Amino acid sequence: MSDQDIVVDRQGDGVVTITLDRPRRKNAITEEMWRSLTAICHEIADRGDDRAVVITGAGGEFCSGADLSGESGGERHRLFKMHVVGDCCLAVANLPQPTIA
């Protein structure tokens, strides 16, 4: 993942926009992006000046789901990856700010 695969933009009005920025892959989320999005959500939850969150995708697509290209490691790795995705989903769901995706 490059630093630009997820772009965080904080406006002065307290709205945080998180943009999935991989339009060439229809914003499919890699394992590293799941982890980054989890960390971003934890950071937002801890900030008092972030009032709302918008999650969007670049290039006219929201998100085509998990990026499965290059998937290897067998069943054990897939189960581990499910935990990474689950952690991210919980982080988004538990945000105290109103969230639009």
Foldseek 3Di string as FASTA:
>chain_A
DDPPQWDWDADPQQEIEIEREDVVQLSAAELVNLQVLLVVLVVSLPDPSRAEYEYAYPDPHRYPYHDCPPPDDPDVVVVVSVVSNVSSVVSVVPRPHHYHD
